[in-house]
Amino acid sequence: MTGFGKSILQLPTKKVTLEVKSLNSKNLDLNARIPSQYREKELQMRNTIAKSLVRGKVDFGLYVEITAEETSTKINEGVVQDYIKQLQTIDSSGDLTEYMKMAVRMPDALKTVREEINDEEFKAINGALQNALKEIDAYRTDEGLALEKDFNIRIKNIGELLEKVIEMDPERIEAVRERLQKAVSDLKEEVDENRFEQELIYYLEKFDITEEKVRLANHVKYFTTTLATPDSNGKKLGFISQEIGREINTIGSKSNYAPMQQLVVQMKDELEKIKEQLLNVL
């Protein structure tokens, strides 16, 4: 599910910003962008995120802004002085200021003092990460409630269309019977009425959808019941929707009646919308 969480932590010498963004994905795909001095804690932070978000394409960013007057980057005096000496050897008539400008641009002229992370600082950062995860979880919860409302509407529509199919079924059977009788009468041939009735019954049994109607009604009810549980049932709902699709397709193939096939198309449309959104459910 999609979501975004952000937390800002103000430390004595720096401001730390943590951002977590998630997009839909079947598995957990975590991409972390953090400064080098926090690499030793990366695995621990990854585990914290994985436990909270379970799955999704997740981008985690940790950004540090130094707010103190001191900086961790220092001028490497010995290296700079050596560069100036070399430049003066090449051209002794040059200005020292110009040599200084050139020297500080040379490789290794600046050095960064690696700052160790103390336990108190990481504890504060981990707390900020937890806050960001709570924020993204709240975002996901709101989206989940919207999806639940949409699912209930869609599955209710399928149930109502099924009721119309059930009401229409006797009419369909009668229409099929009349169509067959007309086809036989158009042949202008004498037929054995008993044999005709036997063949008609056999033919109508092939188009009987009683079992499909019962199974589809049960699957719709099961979908609604599963949706109402507090657990994460994205995959389970996906399996149920597949079973719903099978019954709808079978009804469509057996119906042999245009008005009923129109209802089947409407049920398929509602089911496809459910399947699209189920990709967003954990």
Protein backbone atom coordinates (compact mmCIF):
# COMPACT_ATOMS: atom_id res chain seq x y z
CA MET A 1 0.00 0.00 0.00
CA THR A 2 1.11 3.54 -0.62
CA GLY A 3 2.08 5.80 2.24
CA PHE A 4 4.47 8.48 3.45
CA GLY A 5 5.97 9.20 6.86
CA LYS A 6 8.39 11.88 8.01
CA SER A 7 10.09 12.71 11.29
CA ILE A 8 12.51 15.53 12.17
CA LEU A 9 14.92 15.17 15.08
CA GLN A 10 16.90 18.12 16.49
CA LEU A 11 20.16 17.05 18.16
CA PRO A 12 22.65 19.40 19.89
CA THR A 13 24.89 19.74 16.81
CA LYS A 14 22.71 18.55 13.92
CA LYS A 15 19.20 18.17 12.54
CA VAL A 16 18.26 14.68 11.38
CA THR A 17 15.36 14.19 8.95
CA LEU A 18 13.92 10.70 8.33
CA GLU A 19 11.54 9.99 5.45
CA VAL A 20 9.81 6.71 4.59
CA LYS A 21 7.77 6.27 1.40
CA SER A 22 6.07 3.09 0.21
CA LEU A 23 4.46 2.01 -3.05
CA ASN A 24 2.59 -1.17 -3.97
CA SER A 25 4.65 -4.33 -4.37
CA LYS A 26 4.13 -8.06 -3.77
CA ASN A 27 7.27 -8.33 -1.63
CA LEU A 28 9.36 -5.99 0.52
CA ASP A 29 11.80 -4.05 -1.65
CA LEU A 30 13.66 -1.63 0.62
CA ASN A 31 15.99 1.04 -0.75
CA ALA A 32 17.93 3.04 1.91
CA ARG A 33 19.81 6.31 1.41
CA ILE A 34 21.80 7.17 4.53
CA PRO A 35 25.12 8.99 5.25
CA SER A 36 28.24 6.85 5.52
CA GLN A 37 28.66 7.45 9.26
CA TYR A 38 25.33 5.68 9.89
CA ARG A 39 26.10 2.61 7.75
CA GLU A 40 26.94 0.49 10.77
CA LYS A 41 23.34 0.91 11.96
CA GLU A 42 21.75 0.34 8.55
CA LEU A 43 20.88 -3.32 9.09
CA GLN A 44 19.18 -2.55 12.40
CA MET A 45 17.11 0.23 10.82
CA ARG A 46 16.21 -2.03 7.88
CA ASN A 47 14.93 -4.69 10.28
CA THR A 48 12.84 -2.10 12.13
CA ILE A 49 11.24 -0.97 8.86
CA ALA A 50 10.67 -4.54 7.63
CA LYS A 51 8.83 -5.53 10.83
CA SER A 52 6.50 -2.55 10.53
CA LEU A 53 5.75 -2.40 6.79
CA VAL A 54 5.86 -6.14 5.87
CA ARG A 55 5.84 -5.52 2.09
CA GLY A 56 5.93 -2.82 -0.55
CA LYS A 57 8.50 -0.87 -2.54
CA VAL A 58 9.93 1.24 0.29
CA ASP A 59 12.31 4.20 0.04
CA PHE A 60 14.00 5.20 3.30
CA GLY A 61 16.05 8.37 3.53
CA LEU A 62 18.10 9.72 6.44
CA TYR A 63 19.38 13.27 5.95
CA VAL A 64 21.72 15.16 8.29
CA GLU A 65 22.14 18.94 8.48
CA ILE A 66 24.94 20.29 10.71
CA THR A 67 23.64 23.13 12.88
CA ALA A 68 26.70 23.67 15.11
CA GLU A 69 29.48 26.15 14.30
CA GLU A 70 32.06 23.38 14.06
CA THR A 71 32.26 21.16 10.98
CA SER A 72 33.54 17.62 10.58
CA THR A 73 35.45 18.61 7.43
CA LYS A 74 38.95 19.97 8.09
CA ILE A 75 41.74 21.37 5.94
CA ASN A 76 44.62 18.94 5.62
CA GLU A 77 47.33 21.51 6.40
CA GLY A 78 50.34 19.35 5.56
CA VAL A 79 48.96 18.39 2.16
CA VAL A 80 47.99 21.97 1.28
CA GLN A 81 51.44 23.31 2.26
CA ASP A 82 53.09 20.63 0.14
CA TYR A 83 50.93 21.62 -2.85
CA ILE A 84 51.92 25.29 -2.39
CA LYS A 85 55.61 24.37 -2.30
CA GLN A 86 55.26 22.39 -5.51
CA LEU A 87 53.46 25.28 -7.21
CA GLN A 88 56.16 27.73 -6.09
CA THR A 89 58.82 25.42 -7.49
CA ILE A 90 57.09 25.55 -10.86
CA ASP A 91 56.52 29.33 -10.74
CA SER A 92 58.19 31.27 -7.92
CA SER A 93 56.83 34.62 -9.09
CA GLY A 94 53.19 33.72 -8.40
CA ASP A 95 50.96 35.15 -5.69
CA LEU A 96 50.65 33.05 -2.51
CA THR A 97 46.89 33.68 -2.36
CA GLU A 98 46.43 32.24 -5.82
CA TYR A 99 48.53 29.23 -4.89
CA MET A 100 46.33 28.78 -1.81
CA LYS A 101 43.16 28.81 -3.94
CA MET A 102 44.65 26.23 -6.26
CA ALA A 103 45.98 24.02 -3.46
CA VAL A 104 42.65 23.64 -1.62
CA ARG A 105 41.09 22.31 -4.84
CA MET A 106 43.68 19.55 -5.12
CA PRO A 107 42.94 15.91 -4.07
CA ASP A 108 43.13 15.21 -0.33
CA ALA A 109 43.29 18.92 0.55
CA LEU A 110 40.21 18.42 2.74
CA LYS A 111 39.66 15.58 5.18
CA THR A 112 36.51 14.50 6.94
CA VAL A 113 36.76 13.38 10.51
CA ARG A 114 34.52 10.35 10.92
CA GLU A 115 32.05 10.95 13.69
CA GLU A 116 31.16 7.98 15.84
CA ILE A 117 27.51 7.39 16.69
CA ASN A 118 26.91 7.13 20.41
CA ASP A 119 24.11 5.05 21.87
CA GLU A 120 22.06 8.03 23.02
CA GLU A 121 22.11 9.58 19.55
CA PHE A 122 21.06 6.36 17.82
CA LYS A 123 18.35 5.79 20.41
CA ALA A 124 16.93 9.21 19.54
CA ILE A 125 17.21 8.46 15.79
CA ASN A 126 15.50 5.10 16.24
CA GLY A 127 12.68 6.82 18.13
CA ALA A 128 12.28 9.28 15.26
CA LEU A 129 12.18 6.34 12.82
CA GLN A 130 9.40 4.76 14.87
CA ASN A 131 7.44 8.02 14.66
CA ALA A 132 7.85 8.09 10.87
CA LEU A 133 6.66 4.48 10.65
CA LYS A 134 3.61 5.30 12.81
CA GLU A 135 2.81 8.16 10.43
CA ILE A 136 3.08 5.96 7.33
CA ASP A 137 1.04 3.26 9.08
CA ALA A 138 -1.71 5.81 9.77
CA TYR A 139 -1.57 6.83 6.10
CA ARG A 140 -1.95 3.19 5.07
CA THR A 141 -4.80 2.66 7.53
CA ASP A 142 -6.76 5.55 6.02
CA GLU A 143 -6.21 4.13 2.55
CA GLY A 144 -7.27 0.70 3.79
CA LEU A 145 -10.55 2.06 5.15
CA ALA A 146 -11.27 3.66 1.78
CA LEU A 147 -10.51 0.36 0.02
CA GLU A 148 -12.74 -1.56 2.45
CA LYS A 149 -15.63 0.76 1.64
CA ASP A 150 -15.05 0.31 -2.09
CA PHE A 151 -14.80 -3.51 -1.77
CA ASN A 152 -18.08 -3.66 0.14
CA ILE A 153 -19.80 -1.65 -2.58
CA ARG A 154 -18.36 -3.81 -5.38
CA ILE A 155 -19.10 -7.16 -3.75
CA LYS A 156 -22.62 -5.96 -2.88
CA ASN A 157 -23.14 -5.08 -6.54
CA ILE A 158 -22.05 -8.58 -7.56
CA GLY A 159 -24.49 -10.06 -5.04
CA GLU A 160 -27.34 -7.91 -6.38
CA LEU A 161 -26.50 -8.89 -9.97
CA LEU A 162 -26.52 -12.54 -8.89
CA GLU A 163 -30.04 -12.06 -7.48
CA LYS A 164 -31.11 -10.78 -10.90
CA VAL A 165 -29.52 -13.83 -12.52
CA ILE A 166 -31.45 -16.11 -10.15
CA GLU A 167 -34.73 -14.31 -10.93
CA MET A 168 -34.02 -14.48 -14.67
CA ASP A 169 -33.06 -18.17 -14.74
CA PRO A 170 -36.59 -19.64 -15.18
CA GLU A 171 -37.22 -17.16 -17.97
CA ARG A 172 -33.93 -18.20 -19.60
CA ILE A 173 -34.79 -21.91 -19.43
CA GLU A 174 -38.19 -21.26 -21.00
CA ALA A 175 -36.61 -19.17 -23.76
CA VAL A 176 -34.12 -21.94 -24.54
CA ARG A 177 -36.97 -24.50 -24.61
CA GLU A 178 -39.04 -22.36 -26.98
CA ARG A 179 -36.04 -21.78 -29.24
CA LEU A 180 -35.42 -25.51 -29.53
CA GLN A 181 -39.07 -26.28 -30.18
CA LYS A 182 -39.19 -23.63 -32.89
CA ALA A 183 -36.06 -25.06 -34.48
CA VAL A 184 -37.64 -28.51 -34.57
CA SER A 185 -40.94 -27.22 -35.96
CA ASP A 186 -39.08 -25.34 -38.68
CA LEU A 187 -37.73 -28.68 -39.87
CA LYS A 188 -41.31 -29.64 -40.80
CA GLU A 189 -40.58 -33.19 -39.82
CA GLU A 190 -42.48 -35.49 -37.53
CA VAL A 191 -40.58 -36.23 -34.32
CA ASP A 192 -41.10 -38.58 -31.43
CA GLU A 193 -42.39 -36.38 -28.62
CA ASN A 194 -41.00 -38.60 -25.87
CA ARG A 195 -37.57 -38.73 -27.50
CA PHE A 196 -37.72 -34.99 -28.05
CA GLU A 197 -38.48 -34.40 -24.36
CA GLN A 198 -35.58 -36.64 -23.34
CA GLU A 199 -33.19 -34.81 -25.60
CA LEU A 200 -34.54 -31.48 -24.42
CA ILE A 201 -33.99 -32.40 -20.77
CA TYR A 202 -30.45 -33.54 -21.54
CA TYR A 203 -29.78 -30.32 -23.42
CA LEU A 204 -31.20 -28.13 -20.64
CA GLU A 205 -29.17 -29.97 -17.99
CA LYS A 206 -26.00 -28.94 -19.82
CA PHE A 207 -27.05 -25.32 -19.35
CA ASP A 208 -28.17 -25.70 -15.75
CA ILE A 209 -26.41 -23.15 -13.50
CA THR A 210 -27.87 -24.11 -10.14
CA GLU A 211 -24.53 -25.22 -8.67
CA GLU A 212 -22.75 -22.13 -9.97
CA LYS A 213 -25.37 -19.83 -8.44
CA VAL A 214 -25.03 -21.51 -5.03
CA ARG A 215 -21.22 -21.48 -5.09
CA LEU A 216 -21.08 -17.88 -6.24
CA ALA A 217 -23.43 -16.81 -3.44
CA ASN A 218 -21.24 -18.64 -0.91
CA HIS A 219 -18.04 -17.05 -2.28
CA VAL A 220 -19.58 -13.57 -2.13
CA LYS A 221 -20.62 -14.16 1.49
CA TYR A 222 -17.16 -15.54 2.34
CA PHE A 223 -15.49 -12.50 0.77
CA THR A 224 -17.60 -10.15 2.89
CA THR A 225 -16.91 -12.14 6.07
CA THR A 226 -13.16 -12.25 5.44
CA LEU A 227 -13.08 -8.54 4.66
CA ALA A 228 -14.63 -7.78 8.06
CA THR A 229 -11.89 -9.59 10.03
CA PRO A 230 -9.13 -7.48 11.66
CA ASP A 231 -6.31 -9.56 10.11
CA SER A 232 -4.37 -8.72 6.94
CA ASN A 233 -6.11 -10.91 4.36
CA GLY A 234 -4.98 -9.49 1.01
CA LYS A 235 -3.83 -12.83 -0.41
CA LYS A 236 -6.86 -14.69 0.97
CA LEU A 237 -9.22 -12.15 -0.59
CA GLY A 238 -7.30 -12.57 -3.83
CA PHE A 239 -7.90 -16.34 -3.79
CA ILE A 240 -11.61 -15.84 -3.04
CA SER A 241 -11.91 -13.36 -5.91
CA GLN A 242 -10.39 -15.97 -8.25
CA GLU A 243 -13.08 -18.45 -7.21
CA ILE A 244 -15.75 -15.78 -7.74
CA GLY A 245 -14.35 -15.21 -11.22
CA ARG A 246 -14.53 -18.92 -12.08
CA GLU A 247 -18.21 -19.15 -11.15
CA ILE A 248 -19.07 -15.96 -13.05
CA ASN A 249 -17.28 -17.24 -16.15
CA THR A 250 -19.08 -20.59 -15.96
CA ILE A 251 -22.46 -18.88 -15.65
CA GLY A 252 -21.59 -16.77 -18.67
CA SER A 253 -20.55 -19.76 -20.77
CA LYS A 254 -23.67 -21.77 -19.81
CA SER A 255 -26.27 -19.02 -19.92
CA ASN A 256 -26.85 -18.99 -23.70
CA TYR A 257 -29.18 -16.07 -23.07
CA ALA A 258 -28.28 -12.49 -23.99
CA PRO A 259 -29.96 -10.66 -21.04
CA MET A 260 -28.18 -12.95 -18.55
CA GLN A 261 -24.86 -12.54 -20.35
CA GLN A 262 -25.22 -8.79 -19.94
CA LEU A 263 -25.51 -9.29 -16.18
CA VAL A 264 -22.44 -11.53 -16.29
CA VAL A 265 -20.46 -8.78 -18.03
CA GLN A 266 -21.44 -6.33 -15.29
CA MET A 267 -20.33 -8.82 -12.60
CA LYS A 268 -16.99 -9.27 -14.39
CA ASP A 269 -16.50 -5.51 -14.48
CA GLU A 270 -17.10 -5.20 -10.73
CA LEU A 271 -14.77 -8.14 -10.03
CA GLU A 272 -11.95 -6.68 -12.13
CA LYS A 273 -12.13 -3.46 -10.14
CA ILE A 274 -11.87 -5.51 -6.94
CA LYS A 275 -8.84 -7.42 -8.26
CA GLU A 276 -7.06 -4.20 -9.22
CA GLN A 277 -7.44 -2.77 -5.73
CA LEU A 278 -6.55 -6.05 -3.99
CA LEU A 279 -2.97 -5.48 -5.13
CA ASN A 280 -2.91 -2.65 -2.58
CA VAL A 281 -3.98 -4.83 0.36
CA LEU A 282 -1.48 -6.52 2.66
